[in-house]
Amino acid sequence: MKEGGMAGRSPENNVFDFRAGVSRQKQGKLRGLALLVAGGLLVGILAGVLGIYWPFGSASAEARTTHSFAVCGMVRRTCVVDGDTIWLEGLKIRIADIDTPEISQPRCDYEYDLGIKARDRLVVLLNQGEFSAVPIGNRDEDQYGRKLRVLIRDGRSIGDQLVAEGLARTWSGRRDPWC
């Protein structure tokens, strides 16, 4: 028998810590489990963030896409902000061929009401099937960092449809008042 009568055991792993009430061997296993759980949580969080923001810049060229759109809330991944601004796969896009009434800072009740109608109609139009987000001209972004795109379905601009329904104007290069 080895010293202390503990054959085949390592004395430092079997010392009982009376203050903690747990052997050092169990403390080591608990630390390992805690590290494993923390590491798993970190990997899960990173994967979730990557999933939300992937792919980066996918709409920089023409992209054909079918998604489920809703009015934007706290998370802006694929949603409609207003009648001429959307988020598509984490990329903010300004519909380049139209201008719609403002809903975030309207100048009158009429502008706000029409802006809500334009936003809600755009949600419906985008959910009707596949469309393309096509670059226009030689400008890729506006001054706010939004990608400038024309949304096309079956060879027709979705923006032109909003114009035909009286919910938007063809973009003239400047904002005109709605009130």
Protein backbone atom coordinates (compact mmCIF):
# COMPACT_ATOMS: atom_id res chain seq x y z
CA MET A 1 0.00 0.00 0.00
CA LYS A 2 1.12 3.50 -0.75
CA GLU A 3 1.63 6.22 1.76
CA GLY A 4 -1.50 7.23 3.68
CA GLY A 5 -3.38 4.05 2.75
CA MET A 6 -4.80 5.44 -0.52
CA ALA A 7 -3.65 2.93 -3.14
CA GLY A 8 -4.05 4.17 -6.73
CA ARG A 9 -5.43 7.54 -5.69
CA SER A 10 -3.82 10.88 -6.07
CA PRO A 11 -3.96 12.58 -2.67
CA GLU A 12 -4.30 16.13 -4.08
CA ASN A 13 -7.48 15.19 -6.00
CA ASN A 14 -9.14 13.59 -3.02
CA VAL A 15 -8.55 16.29 -0.43
CA PHE A 16 -11.84 17.41 1.05
CA ASP A 17 -12.36 21.15 1.31
CA PHE A 18 -14.51 21.54 4.41
CA ARG A 19 -15.22 25.21 3.67
CA ALA A 20 -16.84 24.53 0.29
CA GLY A 21 -18.17 21.07 1.10
CA VAL A 22 -16.97 19.80 -2.31
CA SER A 23 -13.88 17.79 -3.16
CA ARG A 24 -11.31 19.39 -5.43
CA GLN A 25 -12.02 16.70 -7.98
CA LYS A 26 -15.69 17.72 -8.12
CA GLN A 27 -14.70 21.42 -8.18
CA GLY A 28 -12.60 20.78 -11.28
CA LYS A 29 -15.47 18.96 -13.00
CA LEU A 30 -17.87 21.80 -12.14
CA ARG A 31 -15.43 24.39 -13.51
CA GLY A 32 -15.06 22.37 -16.71
CA LEU A 33 -18.84 22.10 -17.08
CA ALA A 34 -19.25 25.84 -16.47
CA LEU A 35 -16.63 26.61 -19.15
CA LEU A 36 -18.31 24.23 -21.58
CA VAL A 37 -21.72 25.84 -21.02
CA ALA A 38 -20.29 29.38 -21.30
CA GLY A 39 -18.42 28.44 -24.48
CA GLY A 40 -21.57 26.91 -25.95
CA LEU A 41 -23.57 30.03 -25.15
CA LEU A 42 -20.92 32.23 -26.75
CA VAL A 43 -20.88 30.12 -29.91
CA GLY A 44 -24.70 30.19 -30.00
CA ILE A 45 -24.83 33.96 -29.62
CA LEU A 46 -22.20 34.49 -32.32
CA ALA A 47 -24.03 32.11 -34.68
CA GLY A 48 -27.29 33.96 -34.04
CA VAL A 49 -25.77 37.36 -34.75
CA LEU A 50 -24.10 36.02 -37.89
CA GLY A 51 -27.41 34.49 -39.00
CA ILE A 52 -29.26 37.77 -38.52
CA TYR A 53 -26.76 39.86 -40.46
CA TRP A 54 -25.69 37.36 -43.13
CA PRO A 55 -25.21 37.83 -46.07
CA PHE A 56 -23.42 41.14 -45.81
CA GLY A 57 -24.27 43.45 -48.70
CA SER A 58 -26.10 40.83 -50.75
CA ALA A 59 -28.23 43.38 -52.61
CA SER A 60 -25.25 45.35 -53.91
CA ALA A 61 -25.97 44.05 -57.41
CA GLU A 62 -29.24 42.83 -58.91
CA ALA A 63 -30.83 40.29 -56.59
CA ARG A 64 -33.98 38.24 -57.27
CA THR A 65 -35.73 37.50 -54.05
CA THR A 66 -38.90 36.24 -52.42
CA HIS A 67 -39.37 37.03 -48.74
CA SER A 68 -42.08 37.63 -46.22
CA PHE A 69 -42.32 41.35 -45.51
CA ALA A 70 -44.01 43.13 -42.61
CA VAL A 71 -43.83 46.66 -41.22
CA CYS A 72 -40.47 47.12 -39.48
CA GLY A 73 -40.29 46.78 -35.73
CA MET A 74 -37.28 46.62 -33.40
CA VAL A 75 -35.37 44.09 -35.53
CA ARG A 76 -34.85 45.28 -39.08
CA ARG A 77 -33.85 42.37 -41.26
CA THR A 78 -36.47 42.10 -44.03
CA CYS A 79 -39.28 44.63 -43.58
CA VAL A 80 -40.86 47.86 -44.82
CA VAL A 81 -39.95 51.16 -43.13
CA ASP A 82 -42.16 53.43 -45.23
CA GLY A 83 -43.42 53.68 -48.81
CA ASP A 84 -39.95 54.07 -50.31
CA THR A 85 -37.57 52.43 -47.80
CA ILE A 86 -37.19 48.74 -47.02
CA TRP A 87 -34.77 46.37 -45.32
CA LEU A 88 -33.86 43.32 -47.40
CA GLU A 89 -31.76 40.62 -45.74
CA GLY A 90 -30.26 43.20 -43.36
CA LEU A 91 -29.53 45.77 -46.08
CA LYS A 92 -31.34 49.12 -46.06
CA ILE A 93 -32.70 50.03 -49.50
CA ARG A 94 -34.19 53.29 -50.80
CA ILE A 95 -36.57 52.63 -53.69
CA ALA A 96 -34.86 54.93 -56.16
CA ASP A 97 -37.60 55.65 -58.69
CA ILE A 98 -40.29 57.03 -56.33
CA ASP A 99 -40.97 59.45 -53.51
CA THR A 100 -43.64 58.74 -50.92
CA PRO A 101 -45.07 60.81 -48.07
CA GLU A 102 -43.14 60.87 -44.80
CA ILE A 103 -44.48 59.05 -41.76
CA SER A 104 -41.61 59.69 -39.35
CA GLN A 105 -41.75 63.50 -39.66
CA PRO A 106 -44.89 64.41 -41.62
CA ARG A 107 -45.76 68.06 -42.13
CA CYS A 108 -49.53 67.49 -41.94
CA ASP A 109 -52.11 64.80 -41.20
CA TYR A 110 -52.73 64.21 -44.91
CA GLU A 111 -49.04 63.38 -45.49
CA TYR A 112 -48.99 61.00 -42.54
CA ASP A 113 -52.20 59.22 -43.57
CA LEU A 114 -51.06 58.82 -47.17
CA GLY A 115 -47.62 57.67 -45.99
CA ILE A 116 -49.19 54.91 -43.88
CA LYS A 117 -51.28 53.80 -46.89
CA ALA A 118 -48.16 53.75 -49.11
CA ARG A 119 -46.18 51.74 -46.53
CA ASP A 120 -48.96 49.21 -46.01
CA ARG A 121 -49.55 48.83 -49.76
CA LEU A 122 -45.83 48.26 -50.31
CA VAL A 123 -45.92 45.41 -47.77
CA VAL A 124 -48.72 43.77 -49.77
CA LEU A 125 -46.95 44.29 -53.12
CA LEU A 126 -43.64 42.87 -51.89
CA ASN A 127 -45.37 39.78 -50.50
CA GLN A 128 -46.96 38.98 -53.88
CA GLY A 129 -43.93 37.08 -55.14
CA GLU A 130 -40.41 37.26 -56.45
CA PHE A 131 -38.93 40.60 -57.47
CA SER A 132 -35.54 42.02 -58.37
CA ALA A 133 -33.68 44.85 -56.64
CA VAL A 134 -31.86 46.51 -59.54
CA PRO A 135 -29.22 49.27 -59.26
CA ILE A 136 -30.10 52.49 -61.06
CA GLY A 137 -27.65 54.87 -62.69
CA ASN A 138 -24.11 55.16 -61.35
CA ARG A 139 -24.99 56.00 -57.72
CA ASP A 140 -25.00 52.96 -55.44
CA GLU A 141 -26.03 54.73 -52.19
CA ASP A 142 -27.79 57.87 -51.03
CA GLN A 143 -26.43 60.32 -48.44
CA TYR A 144 -27.93 58.18 -45.62
CA GLY A 145 -26.08 55.02 -46.67
CA ARG A 146 -29.17 53.33 -48.15
CA LYS A 147 -28.65 51.27 -51.31
CA LEU A 148 -30.47 52.84 -54.26
CA ARG A 149 -32.51 50.20 -56.08
CA VAL A 150 -35.56 49.89 -58.31
CA LEU A 151 -37.80 46.97 -57.39
CA ILE A 152 -38.92 45.08 -60.51
CA ARG A 153 -41.48 42.29 -60.90
CA ASP A 154 -42.46 40.89 -64.30
CA GLY A 155 -40.63 43.73 -66.06
CA ARG A 156 -42.54 46.46 -64.19
CA SER A 157 -41.41 48.75 -61.38
CA ILE A 158 -43.23 48.15 -58.09
CA GLY A 159 -42.69 51.88 -57.48
CA ASP A 160 -44.59 52.68 -60.70
CA GLN A 161 -47.50 50.66 -59.35
CA LEU A 162 -47.55 52.83 -56.19
CA VAL A 163 -47.48 55.92 -58.44
CA ALA A 164 -50.41 54.58 -60.52
CA GLU A 165 -52.38 54.02 -57.30
CA GLY A 166 -51.77 57.62 -56.13
CA LEU A 167 -49.57 56.56 -53.18
CA ALA A 168 -46.24 57.83 -54.56
CA ARG A 169 -44.70 60.21 -57.10
CA THR A 170 -42.04 59.46 -59.65
CA TRP A 171 -38.72 60.60 -58.18
CA SER A 172 -37.77 63.97 -59.68
CA GLY A 173 -34.46 64.41 -57.87
CA ARG A 174 -35.91 66.46 -55.04
CA ARG A 175 -38.60 66.16 -52.39
CA ASP A 176 -41.73 68.15 -53.03
CA PRO A 177 -44.21 68.89 -50.23
CA TRP A 178 -47.24 66.64 -49.76
CA CYS A 179 -49.24 69.20 -47.75
